[in-house]
Amino acid sequence: MSKALASLRLDLNDHPVGCNLLPEKFTIPELLRLYETILGEALDRRNFQRRILALDILERLKEFKTGGPHKAPFLYRFDSKKYSKALKQGFKLDW
């Protein structure tokens, strides 16, 4: 396992990740896949969405992701002020 991945896994429960690893606008399923890739295991989609949105570091946009075969999901972006605050203060998430 690379040192970068090991570091991400250690920080994952205490600090938000994704701001520099995702495009500016992303969907919750894209963020979920990022967390699953880092953790190396599948997470429950509904539980993940509820917990991530409860952190209040995301801003839901009035835009949808288009081009998929299913209902178009909302796009989100990180709220830079709240994200920075969460990075400094940390939080506790147990996956």
PDB file of N, CA and C in Angstrom:
ATOM      1  N   MET A   1       0.861  -1.170   0.000  1.00  0.00           N
ATOM      2  CA  MET A   1       0.000   0.000   0.000  1.00  0.00           C
ATOM      3  C   MET A   1       0.909   1.235   0.000  1.00  0.00           C
ATOM      4  N   SER A   2       0.566   2.192  -0.807  1.00  0.00           N
ATOM      5  CA  SER A   2       1.390   3.390  -0.890  1.00  0.00           C
ATOM      6  C   SER A   2       1.230   4.246   0.358  1.00  0.00           C
ATOM      7  N   LYS A   3       2.213   5.084   0.612  1.00  0.00           N
ATOM      8  CA  LYS A   3       2.162   5.961   1.778  1.00  0.00           C
ATOM      9  C   LYS A   3       1.028   6.973   1.665  1.00  0.00           C
ATOM     10  N   ALA A   4       0.764   7.446   0.441  1.00  0.00           N
ATOM     11  CA  ALA A   4      -0.320   8.419   0.246  1.00  0.00           C
ATOM     12  C   ALA A   4      -1.673   7.805   0.590  1.00  0.00           C
ATOM     13  N   LEU A   5      -1.921   6.590   0.136  1.00  0.00           N
ATOM     14  CA  LEU A   5      -3.188   5.924   0.434  1.00  0.00           C
ATOM     15  C   LEU A   5      -3.306   5.644   1.931  1.00  0.00           C
ATOM     16  N   ALA A   6      -2.230   5.229   2.547  1.00  0.00           N
ATOM     17  CA  ALA A   6      -2.248   4.978   3.990  1.00  0.00           C
ATOM     18  C   ALA A   6      -2.555   6.266   4.748  1.00  0.00           C
ATOM     19  N   SER A   7      -1.989   7.363   4.313  1.00  0.00           N
ATOM     20  CA  SER A   7      -2.237   8.658   4.951  1.00  0.00           C
ATOM     21  C   SER A   7      -3.695   9.074   4.781  1.00  0.00           C
ATOM     22  N   LEU A   8      -4.258   8.884   3.571  1.00  0.00           N
ATOM     23  CA  LEU A   8      -5.666   9.211   3.329  1.00  0.00           C
ATOM     24  C   LEU A   8      -6.576   8.387   4.240  1.00  0.00           C
ATOM     25  N   ARG A   9      -6.272   7.112   4.379  1.00  0.00           N
ATOM     26  CA  ARG A   9      -7.102   6.252   5.222  1.00  0.00           C
ATOM     27  C   ARG A   9      -7.061   6.696   6.682  1.00  0.00           C
ATOM     28  N   LEU A  10      -5.911   7.130   7.150  1.00  0.00           N
ATOM     29  CA  LEU A  10      -5.802   7.596   8.533  1.00  0.00           C
ATOM     30  C   LEU A  10      -6.594   8.874   8.760  1.00  0.00           C
ATOM     31  N   ASP A  11      -6.569   9.771   7.779  1.00  0.00           N
ATOM     32  CA  ASP A  11      -7.245  11.064   7.913  1.00  0.00           C
ATOM     33  C   ASP A  11      -8.736  10.998   7.611  1.00  0.00           C
ATOM     34  N   LEU A  12      -9.184   9.948   6.970  1.00  0.00           N
ATOM     35  CA  LEU A  12     -10.555   9.871   6.474  1.00  0.00           C
ATOM     36  C   LEU A  12     -11.604  10.026   7.571  1.00  0.00           C
ATOM     37  N   ASN A  13     -11.355   9.502   8.745  1.00  0.00           N
ATOM     38  CA  ASN A  13     -12.341   9.575   9.826  1.00  0.00           C
ATOM     39  C   ASN A  13     -12.337  10.909  10.552  1.00  0.00           C
ATOM     40  N   ASP A  14     -11.267  11.666  10.403  1.00  0.00           N
ATOM     41  CA  ASP A  14     -11.130  12.903  11.170  1.00  0.00           C
ATOM     42  C   ASP A  14     -11.209  14.174  10.332  1.00  0.00           C
ATOM     43  N   HIS A  15     -11.040  14.062   9.040  1.00  0.00           N
ATOM     44  CA  HIS A  15     -11.045  15.227   8.165  1.00  0.00           C
ATOM     45  C   HIS A  15     -11.751  14.885   6.846  1.00  0.00           C
ATOM     46  N   PRO A  16     -12.397  15.877   6.248  1.00  0.00           N
ATOM     47  CA  PRO A  16     -13.046  15.613   4.952  1.00  0.00           C
ATOM     48  C   PRO A  16     -12.001  15.446   3.852  1.00  0.00           C
ATOM     49  N   VAL A  17     -12.301  14.612   2.899  1.00  0.00           N
ATOM     50  CA  VAL A  17     -11.443  14.466   1.722  1.00  0.00           C
ATOM     51  C   VAL A  17     -12.304  14.665   0.490  1.00  0.00           C
ATOM     52  N   GLY A  18     -11.678  14.974  -0.598  1.00  0.00           N
ATOM     53  CA  GLY A  18     -12.407  15.077  -1.849  1.00  0.00           C
ATOM     54  C   GLY A  18     -12.240  16.394  -2.551  1.00  0.00           C
ATOM     55  N   CYS A  19     -11.971  17.458  -1.831  1.00  0.00           N
ATOM     56  CA  CYS A  19     -11.912  18.779  -2.442  1.00  0.00           C
ATOM     57  C   CYS A  19     -10.876  18.823  -3.566  1.00  0.00           C
ATOM     58  N   ASN A  20      -9.716  18.223  -3.343  1.00  0.00           N
ATOM     59  CA  ASN A  20      -8.667  18.224  -4.355  1.00  0.00           C
ATOM     60  C   ASN A  20      -8.661  16.952  -5.192  1.00  0.00           C
ATOM     61  N   LEU A  21      -9.557  16.029  -4.892  1.00  0.00           N
ATOM     62  CA  LEU A  21      -9.569  14.751  -5.586  1.00  0.00           C
ATOM     63  C   LEU A  21     -10.742  14.593  -6.549  1.00  0.00           C
ATOM     64  N   LEU A  22     -11.668  15.524  -6.522  1.00  0.00           N
ATOM     65  CA  LEU A  22     -12.846  15.484  -7.391  1.00  0.00           C
ATOM     66  C   LEU A  22     -12.905  16.760  -8.221  1.00  0.00           C
ATOM     67  N   PRO A  23     -13.665  16.734  -9.327  1.00  0.00           N
ATOM     68  CA  PRO A  23     -13.872  17.983 -10.062  1.00  0.00           C
ATOM     69  C   PRO A  23     -14.640  18.987  -9.200  1.00  0.00           C
ATOM     70  N   GLU A  24     -14.689  20.218  -9.609  1.00  0.00           N
ATOM     71  CA  GLU A  24     -15.370  21.255  -8.830  1.00  0.00           C
ATOM     72  C   GLU A  24     -16.818  20.876  -8.548  1.00  0.00           C
ATOM     73  N   LYS A  25     -17.505  20.324  -9.538  1.00  0.00           N
ATOM     74  CA  LYS A  25     -18.888  19.883  -9.383  1.00  0.00           C
ATOM     75  C   LYS A  25     -18.913  18.363  -9.504  1.00  0.00           C
ATOM     76  N   PHE A  26     -19.601  17.721  -8.572  1.00  0.00           N
ATOM     77  CA  PHE A  26     -19.620  16.262  -8.538  1.00  0.00           C
ATOM     78  C   PHE A  26     -20.949  15.787  -7.975  1.00  0.00           C
ATOM     79  N   THR A  27     -21.199  14.509  -8.087  1.00  0.00           N
ATOM     80  CA  THR A  27     -22.412  13.912  -7.543  1.00  0.00           C
ATOM     81  C   THR A  27     -22.064  13.159  -6.253  1.00  0.00           C
ATOM     82  N   ILE A  28     -23.073  12.877  -5.458  1.00  0.00           N
ATOM     83  CA  ILE A  28     -22.861  12.077  -4.245  1.00  0.00           C
ATOM     84  C   ILE A  28     -22.327  10.687  -4.614  1.00  0.00           C
ATOM     85  N   PRO A  29     -22.851  10.029  -5.671  1.00  0.00           N
ATOM     86  CA  PRO A  29     -22.268   8.732  -6.038  1.00  0.00           C
ATOM     87  C   PRO A  29     -20.776   8.818  -6.399  1.00  0.00           C
ATOM     88  N   GLU A  30     -20.344   9.909  -6.996  1.00  0.00           N
ATOM     89  CA  GLU A  30     -18.918  10.069  -7.299  1.00  0.00           C
ATOM     90  C   GLU A  30     -18.102  10.209  -6.009  1.00  0.00           C
ATOM     91  N   LEU A  31     -18.634  10.960  -5.047  1.00  0.00           N
ATOM     92  CA  LEU A  31     -17.963  11.100  -3.755  1.00  0.00           C
ATOM     93  C   LEU A  31     -17.938   9.759  -3.021  1.00  0.00           C
ATOM     94  N   LEU A  32     -19.033   9.023  -3.101  1.00  0.00           N
ATOM     95  CA  LEU A  32     -19.103   7.690  -2.498  1.00  0.00           C
ATOM     96  C   LEU A  32     -18.027   6.777  -3.083  1.00  0.00           C
ATOM     97  N   ARG A  33     -17.886   6.772  -4.404  1.00  0.00           N
ATOM     98  CA  ARG A  33     -16.873   5.924  -5.051  1.00  0.00           C
ATOM     99  C   ARG A  33     -15.461   6.306  -4.594  1.00  0.00           C
ATOM    100  N   LEU A  34     -15.224   7.597  -4.386  1.00  0.00           N
ATOM    101  CA  LEU A  34     -13.925   8.048  -3.897  1.00  0.00           C
ATOM    102  C   LEU A  34     -13.659   7.457  -2.509  1.00  0.00           C
ATOM    103  N   TYR A  35     -14.627   7.568  -1.599  1.00  0.00           N
ATOM    104  CA  TYR A  35     -14.463   7.023  -0.250  1.00  0.00           C
ATOM    105  C   TYR A  35     -14.296   5.504  -0.298  1.00  0.00           C
ATOM    106  N   GLU A  36     -15.065   4.828  -1.132  1.00  0.00           N
ATOM    107  CA  GLU A  36     -14.943   3.370  -1.243  1.00  0.00           C
ATOM    108  C   GLU A  36     -13.575   2.975  -1.780  1.00  0.00           C
ATOM    109  N   THR A  37     -13.056   3.736  -2.718  1.00  0.00           N
ATOM    110  CA  THR A  37     -11.733   3.452  -3.269  1.00  0.00           C
ATOM    111  C   THR A  37     -10.661   3.630  -2.209  1.00  0.00           C
ATOM    112  N   ILE A  38     -10.757   4.698  -1.452  1.00  0.00           N
ATOM    113  CA  ILE A  38      -9.772   4.950  -0.396  1.00  0.00           C
ATOM    114  C   ILE A  38      -9.841   3.867   0.675  1.00  0.00           C
ATOM    115  N   LEU A  39     -11.053   3.517   1.087  1.00  0.00           N
ATOM    116  CA  LEU A  39     -11.226   2.522   2.147  1.00  0.00           C
ATOM    117  C   LEU A  39     -11.004   1.091   1.670  1.00  0.00           C
ATOM    118  N   GLY A  40     -11.200   0.865   0.371  1.00  0.00           N
ATOM    119  CA  GLY A  40     -11.059  -0.481  -0.164  1.00  0.00           C
ATOM    120  C   GLY A  40     -12.218  -1.388   0.186  1.00  0.00           C
ATOM    121  N   GLU A  41     -13.378  -0.783   0.438  1.00  0.00           N
ATOM    122  CA  GLU A  41     -14.573  -1.579   0.768  1.00  0.00           C
ATOM    123  C   GLU A  41     -15.829  -0.816   0.360  1.00  0.00           C
ATOM    124  N   ALA A  42     -16.918  -1.562   0.189  1.00  0.00           N
ATOM    125  CA  ALA A  42     -18.194  -0.959  -0.195  1.00  0.00           C
ATOM    126  C   ALA A  42     -18.856  -0.331   1.029  1.00  0.00           C
ATOM    127  N   LEU A  43     -19.515   0.808   0.809  1.00  0.00           N
ATOM    128  CA  LEU A  43     -20.264   1.500   1.855  1.00  0.00           C
ATOM    129  C   LEU A  43     -21.734   1.535   1.476  1.00  0.00           C
ATOM    130  N   ASP A  44     -22.601   1.600   2.457  1.00  0.00           N
ATOM    131  CA  ASP A  44     -24.025   1.714   2.206  1.00  0.00           C
ATOM    132  C   ASP A  44     -24.326   3.101   1.640  1.00  0.00           C
ATOM    133  N   ARG A  45     -24.919   3.157   0.460  1.00  0.00           N
ATOM    134  CA  ARG A  45     -25.164   4.416  -0.246  1.00  0.00           C
ATOM    135  C   ARG A  45     -26.018   5.388   0.559  1.00  0.00           C
ATOM    136  N   ARG A  46     -27.129   4.913   1.099  1.00  0.00           N
ATOM    137  CA  ARG A  46     -28.038   5.821   1.827  1.00  0.00           C
ATOM    138  C   ARG A  46     -27.404   6.347   3.109  1.00  0.00           C
ATOM    139  N   ASN A  47     -26.746   5.461   3.839  1.00  0.00           N
ATOM    140  CA  ASN A  47     -26.092   5.865   5.073  1.00  0.00           C
ATOM    141  C   ASN A  47     -24.968   6.869   4.780  1.00  0.00           C
ATOM    142  N   PHE A  48     -24.197   6.610   3.728  1.00  0.00           N
ATOM    143  CA  PHE A  48     -23.122   7.513   3.345  1.00  0.00           C
ATOM    144  C   PHE A  48     -23.672   8.900   3.023  1.00  0.00           C
ATOM    145  N   GLN A  49     -24.708   8.949   2.207  1.00  0.00           N
ATOM    146  CA  GLN A  49     -25.282  10.238   1.813  1.00  0.00           C
ATOM    147  C   GLN A  49     -25.795  11.007   3.028  1.00  0.00           C
ATOM    148  N   ARG A  50     -26.479  10.326   3.910  1.00  0.00           N
ATOM    149  CA  ARG A  50     -27.008  10.976   5.110  1.00  0.00           C
ATOM    150  C   ARG A  50     -25.879  11.545   5.964  1.00  0.00           C
ATOM    151  N   ARG A  51     -24.837  10.772   6.159  1.00  0.00           N
ATOM    152  CA  ARG A  51     -23.729  11.206   7.010  1.00  0.00           C
ATOM    153  C   ARG A  51     -22.925  12.335   6.379  1.00  0.00           C
ATOM    154  N   ILE A  52     -22.682  12.262   5.092  1.00  0.00           N
ATOM    155  CA  ILE A  52     -21.917  13.311   4.406  1.00  0.00           C
ATOM    156  C   ILE A  52     -22.697  14.619   4.394  1.00  0.00           C
ATOM    157  N   LEU A  53     -23.988  14.550   4.103  1.00  0.00           N
ATOM    158  CA  LEU A  53     -24.783  15.781   4.076  1.00  0.00           C
ATOM    159  C   LEU A  53     -24.915  16.381   5.480  1.00  0.00           C
ATOM    160  N   ALA A  54     -24.916  15.551   6.510  1.00  0.00           N
ATOM    161  CA  ALA A  54     -25.007  16.044   7.883  1.00  0.00           C
ATOM    162  C   ALA A  54     -23.766  16.836   8.295  1.00  0.00           C
ATOM    163  N   LEU A  55     -22.646  16.621   7.609  1.00  0.00           N
ATOM    164  CA  LEU A  55     -21.424  17.367   7.916  1.00  0.00           C
ATOM    165  C   LEU A  55     -21.546  18.838   7.529  1.00  0.00           C
ATOM    166  N   ASP A  56     -22.487  19.131   6.632  1.00  0.00           N
ATOM    167  CA  ASP A  56     -22.750  20.499   6.191  1.00  0.00           C
ATOM    168  C   ASP A  56     -21.521  21.161   5.553  1.00  0.00           C
ATOM    169  N   ILE A  57     -20.790  20.378   4.736  1.00  0.00           N
ATOM    170  CA  ILE A  57     -19.642  20.939   4.016  1.00  0.00           C
ATOM    171  C   ILE A  57     -19.894  20.973   2.510  1.00  0.00           C
ATOM    172  N   LEU A  58     -21.075  20.482   2.099  1.00  0.00           N
ATOM    173  CA  LEU A  58     -21.413  20.455   0.678  1.00  0.00           C
ATOM    174  C   LEU A  58     -22.511  21.460   0.374  1.00  0.00           C
ATOM    175  N   GLU A  59     -22.450  21.991  -0.823  1.00  0.00           N
ATOM    176  CA  GLU A  59     -23.493  22.888  -1.310  1.00  0.00           C
ATOM    177  C   GLU A  59     -24.163  22.213  -2.499  1.00  0.00           C
ATOM    178  N   ARG A  60     -25.478  21.992  -2.396  1.00  0.00           N
ATOM    179  CA  ARG A  60     -26.203  21.380  -3.510  1.00  0.00           C
ATOM    180  C   ARG A  60     -26.503  22.454  -4.540  1.00  0.00           C
ATOM    181  N   LEU A  61     -26.133  22.178  -5.772  1.00  0.00           N
ATOM    182  CA  LEU A  61     -26.361  23.114  -6.861  1.00  0.00           C
ATOM    183  C   LEU A  61     -27.721  22.864  -7.492  1.00  0.00           C
ATOM    184  N   LYS A  62     -28.181  23.797  -8.274  1.00  0.00           N
ATOM    185  CA  LYS A  62     -29.459  23.633  -8.978  1.00  0.00           C
ATOM    186  C   LYS A  62     -29.251  22.969 -10.323  1.00  0.00           C
ATOM    187  N   GLU A  63     -28.101  22.336 -10.484  1.00  0.00           N
ATOM    188  CA  GLU A  63     -27.757  21.651 -11.727  1.00  0.00           C
ATOM    189  C   GLU A  63     -27.804  20.143 -11.510  1.00  0.00           C
ATOM    190  N   PHE A  64     -28.034  19.427 -12.600  1.00  0.00           N
ATOM    191  CA  PHE A  64     -28.060  17.973 -12.580  1.00  0.00           C
ATOM    192  C   PHE A  64     -26.961  17.447 -13.482  1.00  0.00           C
ATOM    193  N   LYS A  65     -26.483  16.245 -13.176  1.00  0.00           N
ATOM    194  CA  LYS A  65     -25.547  15.576 -14.064  1.00  0.00           C
ATOM    195  C   LYS A  65     -26.357  14.934 -15.174  1.00  0.00           C
ATOM    196  N   THR A  66     -25.997  15.189 -16.397  1.00  0.00           N
ATOM    197  CA  THR A  66     -26.749  14.659 -17.537  1.00  0.00           C
ATOM    198  C   THR A  66     -25.949  13.583 -18.251  1.00  0.00           C
ATOM    199  N   GLY A  67     -26.633  12.845 -19.077  1.00  0.00           N
ATOM    200  CA  GLY A  67     -25.981  11.855 -19.920  1.00  0.00           C
ATOM    201  C   GLY A  67     -26.024  10.441 -19.386  1.00  0.00           C
ATOM    202  N   GLY A  68     -26.614  10.217 -18.234  1.00  0.00           N
ATOM    203  CA  GLY A  68     -26.688   8.872 -17.671  1.00  0.00           C
ATOM    204  C   GLY A  68     -28.011   8.207 -17.985  1.00  0.00           C
ATOM    205  N   PRO A  69     -28.084   6.892 -17.830  1.00  0.00           N
ATOM    206  CA  PRO A  69     -29.317   6.168 -18.144  1.00  0.00           C
ATOM    207  C   PRO A  69     -30.388   6.283 -17.056  1.00  0.00           C
ATOM    208  N   HIS A  70     -30.011   6.755 -15.886  1.00  0.00           N
ATOM    209  CA  HIS A  70     -30.945   6.850 -14.771  1.00  0.00           C
ATOM    210  C   HIS A  70     -31.321   8.297 -14.504  1.00  0.00           C
ATOM    211  N   LYS A  71     -32.153   8.480 -13.492  1.00  0.00           N
ATOM    212  CA  LYS A  71     -32.535   9.829 -13.083  1.00  0.00           C
ATOM    213  C   LYS A  71     -31.273  10.648 -12.803  1.00  0.00           C
ATOM    214  N   ALA A  72     -31.241  11.846 -13.331  1.00  0.00           N
ATOM    215  CA  ALA A  72     -30.064  12.698 -13.196  1.00  0.00           C
ATOM    216  C   ALA A  72     -29.891  13.159 -11.744  1.00  0.00           C
ATOM    217  N   PRO A  73     -28.739  12.842 -11.135  1.00  0.00           N
ATOM    218  CA  PRO A  73     -28.510  13.270  -9.756  1.00  0.00           C
ATOM    219  C   PRO A  73     -28.099  14.740  -9.688  1.00  0.00           C
ATOM    220  N   PHE A  74     -28.371  15.355  -8.540  1.00  0.00           N
ATOM    221  CA  PHE A  74     -27.932  16.725  -8.317  1.00  0.00           C
ATOM    222  C   PHE A  74     -26.411  16.794  -8.297  1.00  0.00           C
ATOM    223  N   LEU A  75     -25.895  17.927  -8.701  1.00  0.00           N
ATOM    224  CA  LEU A  75     -24.470  18.197  -8.575  1.00  0.00           C
ATOM    225  C   LEU A  75     -24.239  18.949  -7.268  1.00  0.00           C
ATOM    226  N   TYR A  76     -23.093  18.707  -6.687  1.00  0.00           N
ATOM    227  CA  TYR A  76     -22.688  19.354  -5.440  1.00  0.00           C
ATOM    228  C   TYR A  76     -21.315  19.969  -5.643  1.00  0.00           C
ATOM    229  N   ARG A  77     -20.958  20.840  -4.718  1.00  0.00           N
ATOM    230  CA  ARG A  77     -19.585  21.326  -4.624  1.00  0.00           C
ATOM    231  C   ARG A  77     -19.303  21.558  -3.152  1.00  0.00           C
ATOM    232  N   PHE A  78     -18.024  21.570  -2.834  1.00  0.00           N
ATOM    233  CA  PHE A  78     -17.648  21.828  -1.455  1.00  0.00           C
ATOM    234  C   PHE A  78     -17.813  23.306  -1.148  1.00  0.00           C
ATOM    235  N   ASP A  79     -18.387  23.609   0.005  1.00  0.00           N
ATOM    236  CA  ASP A  79     -18.464  24.976   0.494  1.00  0.00           C
ATOM    237  C   ASP A  79     -17.081  25.272   1.071  1.00  0.00           C
ATOM    238  N   SER A  80     -16.322  26.141   0.409  1.00  0.00           N
ATOM    239  CA  SER A  80     -14.919  26.330   0.758  1.00  0.00           C
ATOM    240  C   SER A  80     -14.710  26.793   2.202  1.00  0.00           C
ATOM    241  N   LYS A  81     -15.565  27.669   2.699  1.00  0.00           N
ATOM    242  CA  LYS A  81     -15.412  28.153   4.076  1.00  0.00           C
ATOM    243  C   LYS A  81     -15.671  27.028   5.081  1.00  0.00           C
ATOM    244  N   LYS A  82     -16.747  26.298   4.878  1.00  0.00           N
ATOM    245  CA  LYS A  82     -17.098  25.212   5.799  1.00  0.00           C
ATOM    246  C   LYS A  82     -16.098  24.059   5.692  1.00  0.00           C
ATOM    247  N   TYR A  83     -15.613  23.807   4.476  1.00  0.00           N
ATOM    248  CA  TYR A  83     -14.626  22.746   4.262  1.00  0.00           C
ATOM    249  C   TYR A  83     -13.326  23.091   4.988  1.00  0.00           C
ATOM    250  N   SER A  84     -12.866  24.338   4.847  1.00  0.00           N
ATOM    251  CA  SER A  84     -11.637  24.780   5.519  1.00  0.00           C
ATOM    252  C   SER A  84     -11.779  24.673   7.028  1.00  0.00           C
ATOM    253  N   LYS A  85     -12.933  25.064   7.534  1.00  0.00           N
ATOM    254  CA  LYS A  85     -13.193  24.984   8.978  1.00  0.00           C
ATOM    255  C   LYS A  85     -13.154  23.529   9.444  1.00  0.00           C
ATOM    256  N   ALA A  86     -13.762  22.636   8.661  1.00  0.00           N
ATOM    257  CA  ALA A  86     -13.767  21.212   9.009  1.00  0.00           C
ATOM    258  C   ALA A  86     -12.358  20.633   8.965  1.00  0.00           C
ATOM    259  N   LEU A  87     -11.540  21.101   8.026  1.00  0.00           N
ATOM    260  CA  LEU A  87     -10.158  20.631   7.968  1.00  0.00           C
ATOM    261  C   LEU A  87      -9.385  21.040   9.216  1.00  0.00           C
ATOM    262  N   LYS A  88      -9.613  22.265   9.669  1.00  0.00           N
ATOM    263  CA  LYS A  88      -8.900  22.769  10.846  1.00  0.00           C
ATOM    264  C   LYS A  88      -9.399  22.120  12.136  1.00  0.00           C
ATOM    265  N   GLN A  89     -10.722  22.030  12.274  1.00  0.00           N
ATOM    266  CA  GLN A  89     -11.303  21.510  13.506  1.00  0.00           C
ATOM    267  C   GLN A  89     -11.369  19.994  13.542  1.00  0.00           C
ATOM    268  N   GLY A  90     -11.535  19.399  12.358  1.00  0.00           N
ATOM    269  CA  GLY A  90     -11.713  17.960  12.295  1.00  0.00           C
ATOM    270  C   GLY A  90     -13.118  17.572  12.734  1.00  0.00           C
ATOM    271  N   PHE A  91     -13.433  16.313  12.643  1.00  0.00           N
ATOM    272  CA  PHE A  91     -14.703  15.748  13.063  1.00  0.00           C
ATOM    273  C   PHE A  91     -14.505  14.259  13.208  1.00  0.00           C
ATOM    274  N   LYS A  92     -15.476  13.543  13.653  1.00  0.00           N
ATOM    275  CA  LYS A  92     -15.325  12.108  13.846  1.00  0.00           C
ATOM    276  C   LYS A  92     -16.346  11.354  13.015  1.00  0.00           C
ATOM    277  N   LEU A  93     -15.854  10.568  12.076  1.00  0.00           N
ATOM    278  CA  LEU A  93     -16.694   9.692  11.261  1.00  0.00           C
ATOM    279  C   LEU A  93     -16.124   8.281  11.375  1.00  0.00           C
ATOM    280  N   ASP A  94     -16.945   7.345  11.681  1.00  0.00           N
ATOM    281  CA  ASP A  94     -16.518   5.949  11.697  1.00  0.00           C
ATOM    282  C   ASP A  94     -17.253   5.233  10.587  1.00  0.00           C
ATOM    283  N   TRP A  95     -16.524   4.746   9.655  1.00  0.00           N
ATOM    284  CA  TRP A  95     -17.135   4.015   8.530  1.00  0.00           C
ATOM    285  C   TRP A  95     -17.229   2.602   8.939  1.00  0.00           C
TER     286      TRP A  95
END
